[in-house]
């Protein structure tokens, strides 16, 4: 569960930094395919755990 929270925090950080424009006018590169799939899988796992409660 803490691993999923860590991934979620990382994803939020990436989104916040991208929106705030810390990198200037450059847009951040898209997430790698593997990382994106891992995040989606963990999101589904979290949703399943929450629905089980």
C-alpha atoms as a PDB file:
ATOM      1  CA  UNK A   1       0.000   0.000   0.000  1.00  0.00           C
ATOM      2  CA  UNK A   2       2.814   2.438   0.819  1.00  0.00           C
ATOM      3  CA  UNK A   3       4.326   1.723  -2.606  1.00  0.00           C
ATOM      4  CA  UNK A   4       1.103   2.818  -4.247  1.00  0.00           C
ATOM      5  CA  UNK A   5       1.041   5.971  -2.125  1.00  0.00           C
ATOM      6  CA  UNK A   6       4.628   6.707  -3.148  1.00  0.00           C
ATOM      7  CA  UNK A   7       3.737   6.324  -6.824  1.00  0.00           C
ATOM      8  CA  UNK A   8       0.696   8.531  -6.355  1.00  0.00           C
ATOM      9  CA  UNK A   9       2.767  11.227  -4.651  1.00  0.00           C
ATOM     10  CA  UNK A  10       5.314  11.058  -7.459  1.00  0.00           C
ATOM     11  CA  UNK A  11       2.569  11.372 -10.073  1.00  0.00           C
ATOM     12  CA  UNK A  12       1.072  14.367  -8.251  1.00  0.00           C
ATOM     13  CA  UNK A  13       4.487  15.993  -8.021  1.00  0.00           C
ATOM     14  CA  UNK A  14       5.086  15.532 -11.744  1.00  0.00           C
ATOM     15  CA  UNK A  15       1.668  16.990 -12.576  1.00  0.00           C
ATOM     16  CA  UNK A  16       2.105  19.951 -10.212  1.00  0.00           C
ATOM     17  CA  UNK A  17       5.550  20.781 -11.548  1.00  0.00           C
ATOM     18  CA  UNK A  18       4.312  20.492 -15.098  1.00  0.00           C
ATOM     19  CA  UNK A  19       1.364  22.801 -14.457  1.00  0.00           C
ATOM     20  CA  UNK A  20       3.357  25.416 -12.547  1.00  0.00           C
ATOM     21  CA  UNK A  21       5.787  25.813 -15.417  1.00  0.00           C
ATOM     22  CA  UNK A  22       8.936  25.330 -13.354  1.00  0.00           C
ATOM     23  CA  UNK A  23      10.723  24.152 -16.482  1.00  0.00           C
ATOM     24  CA  UNK A  24      10.065  27.356 -18.373  1.00  0.00           C
ATOM     25  CA  UNK A  25       8.118  27.181 -21.616  1.00  0.00           C
ATOM     26  CA  UNK A  26       9.227  23.630 -22.324  1.00  0.00           C
ATOM     27  CA  UNK A  27       6.673  20.919 -21.815  1.00  0.00           C
ATOM     28  CA  UNK A  28       7.850  17.899 -19.853  1.00  0.00           C
ATOM     29  CA  UNK A  29       8.292  14.698 -21.848  1.00  0.00           C
ATOM     30  CA  UNK A  30       5.422  12.203 -21.590  1.00  0.00           C
ATOM     31  CA  UNK A  31       5.748   9.440 -19.027  1.00  0.00           C
ATOM     32  CA  UNK A  32       7.370   6.273 -20.255  1.00  0.00           C
ATOM     33  CA  UNK A  33       4.952   3.595 -21.410  1.00  0.00           C
ATOM     34  CA  UNK A  34       6.089   1.194 -18.687  1.00  0.00           C
ATOM     35  CA  UNK A  35       5.764   3.779 -15.906  1.00  0.00           C
ATOM     36  CA  UNK A  36       2.341   4.850 -17.145  1.00  0.00           C
ATOM     37  CA  UNK A  37       1.106   1.239 -17.162  1.00  0.00           C
ATOM     38  CA  UNK A  38       2.477   0.697 -13.644  1.00  0.00           C
ATOM     39  CA  UNK A  39       0.668   3.786 -12.359  1.00  0.00           C
ATOM     40  CA  UNK A  40      -2.594   2.704 -14.012  1.00  0.00           C
ATOM     41  CA  UNK A  41      -2.256  -0.774 -12.508  1.00  0.00           C
ATOM     42  CA  UNK A  42      -1.659   0.660  -9.034  1.00  0.00           C
ATOM     43  CA  UNK A  43      -4.612   3.021  -9.445  1.00  0.00           C
ATOM     44  CA  UNK A  44      -6.852   0.046 -10.258  1.00  0.00           C
ATOM     45  CA  UNK A  45      -5.490  -1.830  -7.246  1.00  0.00           C
ATOM     46  CA  UNK A  46      -6.224   1.133  -4.967  1.00  0.00           C
ATOM     47  CA  UNK A  47      -9.742   1.435  -6.392  1.00  0.00           C
ATOM     48  CA  UNK A  48     -10.343  -2.273  -5.792  1.00  0.00           C
ATOM     49  CA  UNK A  49      -9.104  -2.003  -2.205  1.00  0.00           C
ATOM     50  CA  UNK A  50     -11.309   1.019  -1.552  1.00  0.00           C
ATOM     51  CA  UNK A  51     -14.381  -0.679  -2.995  1.00  0.00           C
ATOM     52  CA  UNK A  52     -13.688  -3.723  -0.805  1.00  0.00           C
ATOM     53  CA  UNK A  53     -13.926  -1.485   2.262  1.00  0.00           C
END
